[in-house]
Amino acid sequence: MSGWAIVAIIAIVVWGIVQTAKARAGIISDEDGNETYVGRPDDANVRAENEEMRREMKQLRERLQVLERIATDNNSLDARERARISAEIEALRGTQDNGVPLPTSASKKEQSQ
């Protein structure tokens, strides 16, 4: 075997070892030769991080639902009706919004005399 054939065989073996190491590390190449790290599916850190992100997303969805409920409950017809009735009750009790008693009808008559 000539010297060039030995060099070619060694180059092919080294290339194969490099490609195997890249595949084990989670690095893939596209058609243009661009390499991308995709991670390894058996990587414990990746799985733990994904699980943590899923929990955080679930918590954020729950918080968003609470905020949506708060935003819509105060603007519903029932909430407005309760606020109107509450304001009427306070008016009938004889107080203004700031807590100052409203003048009674007797005091209005006395003021006009």
PDB file of N, CA and C in Angstrom:
ATOM      1  N   MET A   1       0.851  -1.157   0.000  1.00  0.00           N
ATOM      2  CA  MET A   1       0.000   0.000   0.000  1.00  0.00           C
ATOM      3  C   MET A   1       0.902   1.227   0.000  1.00  0.00           C
ATOM      4  N   SER A   2       0.494   2.201  -0.784  1.00  0.00           N
ATOM      5  CA  SER A   2       1.315   3.408  -0.897  1.00  0.00           C
ATOM      6  C   SER A   2       1.065   4.336   0.291  1.00  0.00           C
ATOM      7  N   GLY A   3       1.901   5.313   0.441  1.00  0.00           N
ATOM      8  CA  GLY A   3       1.806   6.272   1.542  1.00  0.00           C
ATOM      9  C   GLY A   3       0.549   7.123   1.466  1.00  0.00           C
ATOM     10  N   TRP A   4       0.116   7.471   0.226  1.00  0.00           N
ATOM     11  CA  TRP A   4      -1.074   8.297   0.075  1.00  0.00           C
ATOM     12  C   TRP A   4      -2.342   7.536   0.439  1.00  0.00           C
ATOM     13  N   ALA A   5      -2.360   6.270   0.199  1.00  0.00           N
ATOM     14  CA  ALA A   5      -3.526   5.461   0.549  1.00  0.00           C
ATOM     15  C   ALA A   5      -3.675   5.387   2.067  1.00  0.00           C
ATOM     16  N   ILE A   6      -2.547   5.251   2.762  1.00  0.00           N
ATOM     17  CA  ILE A   6      -2.585   5.215   4.233  1.00  0.00           C
ATOM     18  C   ILE A   6      -3.087   6.549   4.786  1.00  0.00           C
ATOM     19  N   VAL A   7      -2.642   7.636   4.222  1.00  0.00           N
ATOM     20  CA  VAL A   7      -3.092   8.972   4.650  1.00  0.00           C
ATOM     21  C   VAL A   7      -4.592   9.115   4.409  1.00  0.00           C
ATOM     22  N   ALA A   8      -5.093   8.641   3.276  1.00  0.00           N
ATOM     23  CA  ALA A   8      -6.524   8.743   2.964  1.00  0.00           C
ATOM     24  C   ALA A   8      -7.345   7.927   3.962  1.00  0.00           C
ATOM     25  N   ILE A   9      -6.890   6.715   4.269  1.00  0.00           N
ATOM     26  CA  ILE A   9      -7.613   5.867   5.220  1.00  0.00           C
ATOM     27  C   ILE A   9      -7.636   6.511   6.604  1.00  0.00           C
ATOM     28  N   ILE A  10      -6.525   7.036   7.052  1.00  0.00           N
ATOM     29  CA  ILE A  10      -6.470   7.702   8.359  1.00  0.00           C
ATOM     30  C   ILE A  10      -7.388   8.923   8.377  1.00  0.00           C
ATOM     31  N   ALA A  11      -7.411   9.694   7.284  1.00  0.00           N
ATOM     32  CA  ALA A  11      -8.282  10.870   7.210  1.00  0.00           C
ATOM     33  C   ALA A  11      -9.748  10.470   7.298  1.00  0.00           C
ATOM     34  N   ILE A  12     -10.128   9.380   6.632  1.00  0.00           N
ATOM     35  CA  ILE A  12     -11.518   8.918   6.668  1.00  0.00           C
ATOM     36  C   ILE A  12     -11.887   8.453   8.083  1.00  0.00           C
ATOM     37  N   VAL A  13     -10.998   7.742   8.751  1.00  0.00           N
ATOM     38  CA  VAL A  13     -11.264   7.270  10.108  1.00  0.00           C
ATOM     39  C   VAL A  13     -11.397   8.448  11.072  1.00  0.00           C
ATOM     40  N   VAL A  14     -10.516   9.425  10.965  1.00  0.00           N
ATOM     41  CA  VAL A  14     -10.592  10.606  11.827  1.00  0.00           C
ATOM     42  C   VAL A  14     -11.881  11.368  11.567  1.00  0.00           C
ATOM     43  N   TRP A  15     -12.273  11.511  10.313  1.00  0.00           N
ATOM     44  CA  TRP A  15     -13.525  12.200   9.966  1.00  0.00           C
ATOM     45  C   TRP A  15     -14.712  11.469  10.607  1.00  0.00           C
ATOM     46  N   GLY A  16     -14.726  10.152  10.551  1.00  0.00           N
ATOM     47  CA  GLY A  16     -15.803   9.367  11.148  1.00  0.00           C
ATOM     48  C   GLY A  16     -15.861   9.534  12.654  1.00  0.00           C
ATOM     49  N   ILE A  17     -14.697   9.559  13.298  1.00  0.00           N
ATOM     50  CA  ILE A  17     -14.654   9.755  14.753  1.00  0.00           C
ATOM     51  C   ILE A  17     -15.199  11.131  15.126  1.00  0.00           C
ATOM     52  N   VAL A  18     -14.831  12.154  14.363  1.00  0.00           N
ATOM     53  CA  VAL A  18     -15.314  13.512  14.621  1.00  0.00           C
ATOM     54  C   VAL A  18     -16.823  13.587  14.447  1.00  0.00           C
ATOM     55  N   GLN A  19     -17.350  12.981  13.393  1.00  0.00           N
ATOM     56  CA  GLN A  19     -18.796  13.018  13.153  1.00  0.00           C
ATOM     57  C   GLN A  19     -19.557  12.273  14.259  1.00  0.00           C
ATOM     58  N   THR A  20     -19.008  11.167  14.738  1.00  0.00           N
ATOM     59  CA  THR A  20     -19.632  10.423  15.828  1.00  0.00           C
ATOM     60  C   THR A  20     -19.645  11.239  17.114  1.00  0.00           C
ATOM     61  N   ALA A  21     -18.547  11.918  17.389  1.00  0.00           N
ATOM     62  CA  ALA A  21     -18.474  12.749  18.593  1.00  0.00           C
ATOM     63  C   ALA A  21     -19.473  13.903  18.514  1.00  0.00           C
ATOM     64  N   LYS A  22     -19.617  14.508  17.339  1.00  0.00           N
ATOM     65  CA  LYS A  22     -20.598  15.588  17.170  1.00  0.00           C
ATOM     66  C   LYS A  22     -22.020  15.072  17.390  1.00  0.00           C
ATOM     67  N   ALA A  23     -22.312  13.894  16.861  1.00  0.00           N
ATOM     68  CA  ALA A  23     -23.655  13.332  17.005  1.00  0.00           C
ATOM     69  C   ALA A  23     -23.961  13.039  18.474  1.00  0.00           C
ATOM     70  N   ARG A  24     -22.995  12.526  19.196  1.00  0.00           N
ATOM     71  CA  ARG A  24     -23.201  12.261  20.613  1.00  0.00           C
ATOM     72  C   ARG A  24     -23.375  13.541  21.419  1.00  0.00           C
ATOM     73  N   ALA A  25     -22.745  14.616  20.986  1.00  0.00           N
ATOM     74  CA  ALA A  25     -22.844  15.899  21.693  1.00  0.00           C
ATOM     75  C   ALA A  25     -24.119  16.644  21.338  1.00  0.00           C
ATOM     76  N   GLY A  26     -24.846  16.186  20.310  1.00  0.00           N
ATOM     77  CA  GLY A  26     -26.095  16.840  19.930  1.00  0.00           C
ATOM     78  C   GLY A  26     -25.916  17.933  18.904  1.00  0.00           C
ATOM     79  N   ILE A  27     -24.878  17.841  18.100  1.00  0.00           N
ATOM     80  CA  ILE A  27     -24.625  18.839  17.062  1.00  0.00           C
ATOM     81  C   ILE A  27     -24.992  18.215  15.726  1.00  0.00           C
ATOM     82  N   ILE A  28     -25.867  18.902  14.972  1.00  0.00           N
ATOM     83  CA  ILE A  28     -26.254  18.404  13.655  1.00  0.00           C
ATOM     84  C   ILE A  28     -25.825  19.403  12.602  1.00  0.00           C
ATOM     85  N   SER A  29     -25.671  18.905  11.370  1.00  0.00           N
ATOM     86  CA  SER A  29     -25.292  19.759  10.238  1.00  0.00           C
ATOM     87  C   SER A  29     -26.402  19.725   9.210  1.00  0.00           C
ATOM     88  N   ASP A  30     -26.705  20.884   8.613  1.00  0.00           N
ATOM     89  CA  ASP A  30     -27.703  20.912   7.553  1.00  0.00           C
ATOM     90  C   ASP A  30     -27.024  20.702   6.205  1.00  0.00           C
ATOM     91  N   GLU A  31     -27.786  20.883   5.124  1.00  0.00           N
ATOM     92  CA  GLU A  31     -27.263  20.642   3.781  1.00  0.00           C
ATOM     93  C   GLU A  31     -26.105  21.558   3.423  1.00  0.00           C
ATOM     94  N   ASP A  32     -26.128  22.771   3.976  1.00  0.00           N
ATOM     95  CA  ASP A  32     -25.083  23.744   3.656  1.00  0.00           C
ATOM     96  C   ASP A  32     -23.860  23.599   4.555  1.00  0.00           C
ATOM     97  N   GLY A  33     -23.884  22.687   5.500  1.00  0.00           N
ATOM     98  CA  GLY A  33     -22.761  22.493   6.398  1.00  0.00           C
ATOM     99  C   GLY A  33     -22.834  23.335   7.657  1.00  0.00           C
ATOM    100  N   ASN A  34     -23.930  24.054   7.839  1.00  0.00           N
ATOM    101  CA  ASN A  34     -24.108  24.851   9.055  1.00  0.00           C
ATOM    102  C   ASN A  34     -24.424  23.926  10.222  1.00  0.00           C
ATOM    103  N   GLU A  35     -23.697  24.071  11.309  1.00  0.00           N
ATOM    104  CA  GLU A  35     -23.892  23.205  12.459  1.00  0.00           C
ATOM    105  C   GLU A  35     -24.794  23.880  13.486  1.00  0.00           C
ATOM    106  N   THR A  36     -25.677  23.082  14.084  1.00  0.00           N
ATOM    107  CA  THR A  36     -26.624  23.577  15.069  1.00  0.00           C
ATOM    108  C   THR A  36     -26.631  22.633  16.264  1.00  0.00           C
ATOM    109  N   TYR A  37     -26.616  23.216  17.459  1.00  0.00           N
ATOM    110  CA  TYR A  37     -26.695  22.407  18.681  1.00  0.00           C
ATOM    111  C   TYR A  37     -28.152  22.178  19.013  1.00  0.00           C
ATOM    112  N   VAL A  38     -28.556  20.933  19.073  1.00  0.00           N
ATOM    113  CA  VAL A  38     -29.937  20.608  19.397  1.00  0.00           C
ATOM    114  C   VAL A  38     -30.057  19.953  20.758  1.00  0.00           C
ATOM    115  N   GLY A  39     -28.962  19.680  21.393  1.00  0.00           N
ATOM    116  CA  GLY A  39     -28.987  19.059  22.713  1.00  0.00           C
ATOM    117  C   GLY A  39     -29.211  17.567  22.611  1.00  0.00           C
ATOM    118  N   ARG A  40     -29.032  16.918  23.713  1.00  0.00           N
ATOM    119  CA  ARG A  40     -29.246  15.478  23.752  1.00  0.00           C
ATOM    120  C   ARG A  40     -30.532  15.202  24.489  1.00  0.00           C
ATOM    121  N   PRO A  41     -31.344  14.303  23.982  1.00  0.00           N
ATOM    122  CA  PRO A  41     -32.615  14.029  24.648  1.00  0.00           C
ATOM    123  C   PRO A  41     -32.451  13.394  26.020  1.00  0.00           C
ATOM    124  N   ASP A  42     -31.325  12.756  26.281  1.00  0.00           N
ATOM    125  CA  ASP A  42     -31.130  12.119  27.565  1.00  0.00           C
ATOM    126  C   ASP A  42     -30.397  13.018  28.556  1.00  0.00           C
ATOM    127  N   ASP A  43     -30.227  14.275  28.203  1.00  0.00           N
ATOM    128  CA  ASP A  43     -29.525  15.208  29.076  1.00  0.00           C
ATOM    129  C   ASP A  43     -30.436  15.582  30.244  1.00  0.00           C
ATOM    130  N   ALA A  44     -30.027  15.260  31.453  1.00  0.00           N
ATOM    131  CA  ALA A  44     -30.853  15.502  32.646  1.00  0.00           C
ATOM    132  C   ALA A  44     -31.081  16.990  32.883  1.00  0.00           C
ATOM    133  N   ASN A  45     -30.087  17.810  32.586  1.00  0.00           N
ATOM    134  CA  ASN A  45     -30.241  19.256  32.782  1.00  0.00           C
ATOM    135  C   ASN A  45     -31.308  19.823  31.868  1.00  0.00           C
ATOM    136  N   VAL A  46     -31.346  19.356  30.631  1.00  0.00           N
ATOM    137  CA  VAL A  46     -32.341  19.849  29.679  1.00  0.00           C
ATOM    138  C   VAL A  46     -33.739  19.445  30.130  1.00  0.00           C
ATOM    139  N   ARG A  47     -33.890  18.219  30.583  1.00  0.00           N
ATOM    140  CA  ARG A  47     -35.202  17.776  31.047  1.00  0.00           C
ATOM    141  C   ARG A  47     -35.649  18.551  32.274  1.00  0.00           C
ATOM    142  N   ALA A  48     -34.749  18.801  33.198  1.00  0.00           N
ATOM    143  CA  ALA A  48     -35.096  19.551  34.406  1.00  0.00           C
ATOM    144  C   ALA A  48     -35.487  20.983  34.051  1.00  0.00           C
ATOM    145  N   GLU A  49     -34.744  21.575  33.125  1.00  0.00           N
ATOM    146  CA  GLU A  49     -35.052  22.949  32.705  1.00  0.00           C
ATOM    147  C   GLU A  49     -36.402  23.003  32.004  1.00  0.00           C
ATOM    148  N   ASN A  50     -36.695  22.019  31.154  1.00  0.00           N
ATOM    149  CA  ASN A  50     -37.988  21.982  30.475  1.00  0.00           C
ATOM    150  C   ASN A  50     -39.130  21.829  31.474  1.00  0.00           C
ATOM    151  N   GLU A  51     -38.946  20.989  32.475  1.00  0.00           N
ATOM    152  CA  GLU A  51     -39.984  20.804  33.489  1.00  0.00           C
ATOM    153  C   GLU A  51     -40.207  22.087  34.289  1.00  0.00           C
ATOM    154  N   GLU A  52     -39.119  22.777  34.607  1.00  0.00           N
ATOM    155  CA  GLU A  52     -39.239  24.046  35.328  1.00  0.00           C
ATOM    156  C   GLU A  52     -39.992  25.078  34.488  1.00  0.00           C
ATOM    157  N   MET A  53     -39.697  25.133  33.195  1.00  0.00           N
ATOM    158  CA  MET A  53     -40.401  26.077  32.314  1.00  0.00           C
ATOM    159  C   MET A  53     -41.878  25.729  32.199  1.00  0.00           C
ATOM    160  N   ARG A  54     -42.196  24.436  32.168  1.00  0.00           N
ATOM    161  CA  ARG A  54     -43.606  24.034  32.107  1.00  0.00           C
ATOM    162  C   ARG A  54     -44.357  24.474  33.365  1.00  0.00           C
ATOM    163  N   ARG A  55     -43.726  24.282  34.547  1.00  0.00           N
ATOM    164  CA  ARG A  55     -44.357  24.721  35.792  1.00  0.00           C
ATOM    165  C   ARG A  55     -44.562  26.234  35.800  1.00  0.00           C
ATOM    166  N   GLU A  56     -43.555  26.967  35.344  1.00  0.00           N
ATOM    167  CA  GLU A  56     -43.667  28.425  35.319  1.00  0.00           C
ATOM    168  C   GLU A  56     -44.769  28.869  34.365  1.00  0.00           C
ATOM    169  N   MET A  57     -44.861  28.223  33.195  1.00  0.00           N
ATOM    170  CA  MET A  57     -45.924  28.566  32.247  1.00  0.00           C
ATOM    171  C   MET A  57     -47.303  28.289  32.853  1.00  0.00           C
ATOM    172  N   LYS A  58     -47.438  27.182  33.596  1.00  0.00           N
ATOM    173  CA  LYS A  58     -48.718  26.858  34.227  1.00  0.00           C
ATOM    174  C   LYS A  58     -49.082  27.923  35.253  1.00  0.00           C
ATOM    175  N   GLN A  59     -48.100  28.353  36.060  1.00  0.00           N
ATOM    176  CA  GLN A  59     -48.359  29.395  37.051  1.00  0.00           C
ATOM    177  C   GLN A  59     -48.744  30.709  36.380  1.00  0.00           C
ATOM    178  N   LEU A  60     -48.066  31.050  35.298  1.00  0.00           N
ATOM    179  CA  LEU A  60     -48.384  32.299  34.598  1.00  0.00           C
ATOM    180  C   LEU A  60     -49.776  32.246  33.991  1.00  0.00           C
ATOM    181  N   ARG A  61     -50.182  31.090  33.470  1.00  0.00           N
ATOM    182  CA  ARG A  61     -51.533  30.956  32.923  1.00  0.00           C
ATOM    183  C   ARG A  61     -52.575  31.126  34.021  1.00  0.00           C
ATOM    184  N   GLU A  62     -52.318  30.543  35.191  1.00  0.00           N
ATOM    185  CA  GLU A  62     -53.257  30.693  36.307  1.00  0.00           C
ATOM    186  C   GLU A  62     -53.358  32.149  36.744  1.00  0.00           C
ATOM    187  N   ARG A  63     -52.228  32.838  36.812  1.00  0.00           N
ATOM    188  CA  ARG A  63     -52.246  34.251  37.195  1.00  0.00           C
ATOM    189  C   ARG A  63     -52.996  35.086  36.159  1.00  0.00           C
ATOM    190  N   LEU A  64     -52.814  34.753  34.887  1.00  0.00           N
ATOM    191  CA  LEU A  64     -53.511  35.476  33.832  1.00  0.00           C
ATOM    192  C   LEU A  64     -55.018  35.266  33.948  1.00  0.00           C
ATOM    193  N   GLN A  65     -55.451  34.055  34.258  1.00  0.00           N
ATOM    194  CA  GLN A  65     -56.877  33.801  34.430  1.00  0.00           C
ATOM    195  C   GLN A  65     -57.447  34.616  35.586  1.00  0.00           C
ATOM    196  N   VAL A  66     -56.692  34.728  36.673  1.00  0.00           N
ATOM    197  CA  VAL A  66     -57.149  35.533  37.811  1.00  0.00           C
ATOM    198  C   VAL A  66     -57.267  37.000  37.403  1.00  0.00           C
ATOM    199  N   LEU A  67     -56.268  37.506  36.703  1.00  0.00           N
ATOM    200  CA  LEU A  67     -56.316  38.904  36.267  1.00  0.00           C
ATOM    201  C   LEU A  67     -57.471  39.150  35.303  1.00  0.00           C
ATOM    202  N   GLU A  68     -57.730  38.205  34.407  1.00  0.00           N
ATOM    203  CA  GLU A  68     -58.863  38.354  33.493  1.00  0.00           C
ATOM    204  C   GLU A  68     -60.174  38.370  34.263  1.00  0.00           C
ATOM    205  N   ARG A  69     -60.274  37.507  35.283  1.00  0.00           N
ATOM    206  CA  ARG A  69     -61.496  37.471  36.081  1.00  0.00           C
ATOM    207  C   ARG A  69     -61.685  38.789  36.834  1.00  0.00           C
ATOM    208  N   ILE A  70     -60.610  39.330  37.384  1.00  0.00           N
ATOM    209  CA  ILE A  70     -60.697  40.606  38.099  1.00  0.00           C
ATOM    210  C   ILE A  70     -61.118  41.719  37.144  1.00  0.00           C
ATOM    211  N   ALA A  71     -60.534  41.723  35.961  1.00  0.00           N
ATOM    212  CA  ALA A  71     -60.831  42.782  34.994  1.00  0.00           C
ATOM    213  C   ALA A  71     -62.268  42.708  34.505  1.00  0.00           C
ATOM    214  N   THR A  72     -62.794  41.501  34.345  1.00  0.00           N
ATOM    215  CA  THR A  72     -64.139  41.382  33.796  1.00  0.00           C
ATOM    216  C   THR A  72     -65.218  41.398  34.858  1.00  0.00           C
ATOM    217  N   ASP A  73     -64.944  40.933  36.075  1.00  0.00           N
ATOM    218  CA  ASP A  73     -65.979  40.890  37.115  1.00  0.00           C
ATOM    219  C   ASP A  73     -66.433  42.285  37.521  1.00  0.00           C
ATOM    220  N   ASN A  74     -65.536  43.234  37.620  1.00  0.00           N
ATOM    221  CA  ASN A  74     -65.915  44.586  38.028  1.00  0.00           C
ATOM    222  C   ASN A  74     -66.664  45.328  36.936  1.00  0.00           C
ATOM    223  N   ASN A  75     -66.605  44.841  35.720  1.00  0.00           N
ATOM    224  CA  ASN A  75     -67.277  45.504  34.610  1.00  0.00           C
ATOM    225  C   ASN A  75     -68.546  44.778  34.172  1.00  0.00           C
ATOM    226  N   SER A  76     -68.936  43.746  34.880  1.00  0.00           N
ATOM    227  CA  SER A  76     -70.133  43.003  34.496  1.00  0.00           C
ATOM    228  C   SER A  76     -71.380  43.781  34.921  1.00  0.00           C
ATOM    229  N   LEU A  77     -72.503  43.391  34.355  1.00  0.00           N
ATOM    230  CA  LEU A  77     -73.764  44.057  34.689  1.00  0.00           C
ATOM    231  C   LEU A  77     -74.124  43.840  36.153  1.00  0.00           C
ATOM    232  N   ASP A  78     -73.861  42.636  36.651  1.00  0.00           N
ATOM    233  CA  ASP A  78     -74.168  42.364  38.058  1.00  0.00           C
ATOM    234  C   ASP A  78     -73.346  43.244  38.986  1.00  0.00           C
ATOM    235  N   ALA A  79     -72.080  43.425  38.678  1.00  0.00           N
ATOM    236  CA  ALA A  79     -71.218  44.250  39.530  1.00  0.00           C
ATOM    237  C   ALA A  79     -71.669  45.704  39.496  1.00  0.00           C
ATOM    238  N   ARG A  80     -72.040  46.176  38.322  1.00  0.00           N
ATOM    239  CA  ARG A  80     -72.530  47.560  38.219  1.00  0.00           C
ATOM    240  C   ARG A  80     -73.839  47.729  38.988  1.00  0.00           C
ATOM    241  N   GLU A  81     -74.700  46.723  38.896  1.00  0.00           N
ATOM    242  CA  GLU A  81     -75.984  46.788  39.602  1.00  0.00           C
ATOM    243  C   GLU A  81     -75.759  46.791  41.110  1.00  0.00           C
ATOM    244  N   ARG A  82     -74.829  45.949  41.591  1.00  0.00           N
ATOM    245  CA  ARG A  82     -74.514  45.939  43.022  1.00  0.00           C
ATOM    246  C   ARG A  82     -73.968  47.292  43.465  1.00  0.00           C
ATOM    247  N   ALA A  83     -73.114  47.899  42.655  1.00  0.00           N
ATOM    248  CA  ALA A  83     -72.554  49.206  43.008  1.00  0.00           C
ATOM    249  C   ALA A  83     -73.646  50.271  43.043  1.00  0.00           C
ATOM    250  N   ARG A  84     -74.588  50.203  42.097  1.00  0.00           N
ATOM    251  CA  ARG A  84     -75.684  51.178  42.056  1.00  0.00           C
ATOM    252  C   ARG A  84     -76.584  51.026  43.280  1.00  0.00           C
ATOM    253  N   ILE A  85     -76.899  49.788  43.607  1.00  0.00           N
ATOM    254  CA  ILE A  85     -77.751  49.544  44.776  1.00  0.00           C
ATOM    255  C   ILE A  85     -77.048  49.981  46.049  1.00  0.00           C
ATOM    256  N   SER A  86     -75.775  49.702  46.147  1.00  0.00           N
ATOM    257  CA  SER A  86     -75.005  50.121  47.316  1.00  0.00           C
ATOM    258  C   SER A  86     -75.001  51.641  47.441  1.00  0.00           C
ATOM    259  N   ALA A  87     -74.864  52.335  46.331  1.00  0.00           N
ATOM    260  CA  ALA A  87     -74.883  53.801  46.363  1.00  0.00           C
ATOM    261  C   ALA A  87     -76.256  54.315  46.786  1.00  0.00           C
ATOM    262  N   GLU A  88     -77.314  53.663  46.325  1.00  0.00           N
ATOM    263  CA  GLU A  88     -78.663  54.074  46.720  1.00  0.00           C
ATOM    264  C   GLU A  88     -78.882  53.858  48.212  1.00  0.00           C
ATOM    265  N   ILE A  89     -78.399  52.741  48.729  1.00  0.00           N
ATOM    266  CA  ILE A  89     -78.553  52.460  50.160  1.00  0.00           C
ATOM    267  C   ILE A  89     -77.824  53.512  50.980  1.00  0.00           C
ATOM    268  N   GLU A  90     -76.619  53.840  50.571  1.00  0.00           N
ATOM    269  CA  GLU A  90     -75.862  54.870  51.290  1.00  0.00           C
ATOM    270  C   GLU A  90     -76.576  56.218  51.215  1.00  0.00           C
ATOM    271  N   ALA A  91     -77.179  56.517  50.074  1.00  0.00           N
ATOM    272  CA  ALA A  91     -77.912  57.776  49.945  1.00  0.00           C
ATOM    273  C   ALA A  91     -79.138  57.780  50.858  1.00  0.00           C
ATOM    274  N   LEU A  92     -79.807  56.640  50.963  1.00  0.00           N
ATOM    275  CA  LEU A  92     -80.976  56.549  51.834  1.00  0.00           C
ATOM    276  C   LEU A  92     -80.597  56.622  53.313  1.00  0.00           C
ATOM    277  N   ARG A  93     -79.405  56.196  53.643  1.00  0.00           N
ATOM    278  CA  ARG A  93     -78.948  56.293  55.026  1.00  0.00           C
ATOM    279  C   ARG A  93     -78.684  57.732  55.422  1.00  0.00           C
ATOM    280  N   GLY A  94     -78.497  58.571  54.444  1.00  0.00           N
ATOM    281  CA  GLY A  94     -78.324  59.984  54.744  1.00  0.00           C
ATOM    282  C   GLY A  94     -76.882  60.439  54.785  1.00  0.00           C
ATOM    283  N   THR A  95     -76.001  59.755  54.132  1.00  0.00           N
ATOM    284  CA  THR A  95     -74.610  60.209  54.093  1.00  0.00           C
ATOM    285  C   THR A  95     -74.169  60.360  52.654  1.00  0.00           C
ATOM    286  N   GLN A  96     -73.282  61.295  52.475  1.00  0.00           N
ATOM    287  CA  GLN A  96     -72.675  61.466  51.171  1.00  0.00           C
ATOM    288  C   GLN A  96     -71.491  60.511  51.067  1.00  0.00           C
ATOM    289  N   ASP A  97     -70.813  60.524  49.927  1.00  0.00           N
ATOM    290  CA  ASP A  97     -69.648  59.661  49.735  1.00  0.00           C
ATOM    291  C   ASP A  97     -68.538  59.984  50.724  1.00  0.00           C
ATOM    292  N   ASN A  98     -68.421  61.247  51.135  1.00  0.00           N
ATOM    293  CA  ASN A  98     -67.331  61.619  52.035  1.00  0.00           C
ATOM    294  C   ASN A  98     -67.728  61.461  53.507  1.00  0.00           C
ATOM    295  N   GLY A  99     -68.937  60.922  53.800  1.00  0.00           N
ATOM    296  CA  GLY A  99     -69.347  60.664  55.177  1.00  0.00           C
ATOM    297  C   GLY A  99     -70.064  61.819  55.833  1.00  0.00           C
ATOM    298  N   VAL A 100     -70.261  62.953  55.175  1.00  0.00           N
ATOM    299  CA  VAL A 100     -70.956  64.107  55.752  1.00  0.00           C
ATOM    300  C   VAL A 100     -72.455  63.858  55.639  1.00  0.00           C
ATOM    301  N   PRO A 101     -73.203  64.047  56.749  1.00  0.00           N
ATOM    302  CA  PRO A 101     -74.646  63.798  56.684  1.00  0.00           C
ATOM    303  C   PRO A 101     -75.329  64.763  55.710  1.00  0.00           C
ATOM    304  N   LEU A 102     -76.277  64.217  54.979  1.00  0.00           N
ATOM    305  CA  LEU A 102     -77.051  65.047  54.051  1.00  0.00           C
ATOM    306  C   LEU A 102     -78.070  65.860  54.849  1.00  0.00           C
ATOM    307  N   PRO A 103     -78.394  67.037  54.379  1.00  0.00           N
ATOM    308  CA  PRO A 103     -79.422  67.814  55.079  1.00  0.00           C
ATOM    309  C   PRO A 103     -80.768  67.117  54.956  1.00  0.00           C
ATOM    310  N   THR A 104     -81.538  67.126  56.036  1.00  0.00           N
ATOM    311  CA  THR A 104     -82.856  66.494  56.011  1.00  0.00           C
ATOM    312  C   THR A 104     -83.870  67.487  55.438  1.00  0.00           C
ATOM    313  N   SER A 105     -85.034  66.994  55.147  1.00  0.00           N
ATOM    314  CA  SER A 105     -86.058  67.870  54.563  1.00  0.00           C
ATOM    315  C   SER A 105     -86.492  68.939  55.573  1.00  0.00           C
ATOM    316  N   ALA A 106     -86.479  68.625  56.857  1.00  0.00           N
ATOM    317  CA  ALA A 106     -86.873  69.600  57.881  1.00  0.00           C
ATOM    318  C   ALA A 106     -85.869  70.735  57.926  1.00  0.00           C
ATOM    319  N   SER A 107     -84.616  70.429  57.806  1.00  0.00           N
ATOM    320  CA  SER A 107     -83.624  71.498  57.866  1.00  0.00           C
ATOM    321  C   SER A 107     -83.694  72.349  56.601  1.00  0.00           C
ATOM    322  N   LYS A 108     -84.103  71.781  55.485  1.00  0.00           N
ATOM    323  CA  LYS A 108     -84.249  72.584  54.266  1.00  0.00           C
ATOM    324  C   LYS A 108     -85.387  73.579  54.438  1.00  0.00           C
ATOM    325  N   LYS A 109     -86.494  73.157  55.093  1.00  0.00           N
ATOM    326  CA  LYS A 109     -87.615  74.052  55.307  1.00  0.00           C
ATOM    327  C   LYS A 109     -87.203  75.181  56.264  1.00  0.00           C
ATOM    328  N   GLU A 110     -86.438  74.803  57.297  1.00  0.00           N
ATOM    329  CA  GLU A 110     -86.000  75.816  58.237  1.00  0.00           C
ATOM    330  C   GLU A 110     -85.074  76.830  57.551  1.00  0.00           C
ATOM    331  N   GLN A 111     -84.266  76.349  56.607  1.00  0.00           N
ATOM    332  CA  GLN A 111     -83.345  77.246  55.918  1.00  0.00           C
ATOM    333  C   GLN A 111     -84.107  78.209  55.028  1.00  0.00           C
ATOM    334  N   SER A 112     -85.237  77.806  54.474  1.00  0.00           N
ATOM    335  CA  SER A 112     -85.977  78.676  53.583  1.00  0.00           C
ATOM    336  C   SER A 112     -86.746  79.748  54.346  1.00  0.00           C
ATOM    337  N   GLN A 113     -87.036  79.548  55.626  1.00  0.00           N
ATOM    338  CA  GLN A 113     -87.792  80.535  56.409  1.00  0.00           C
ATOM    339  C   GLN A 113     -86.962  81.615  56.913  1.00  0.00           C
TER     340      GLN A 113
END
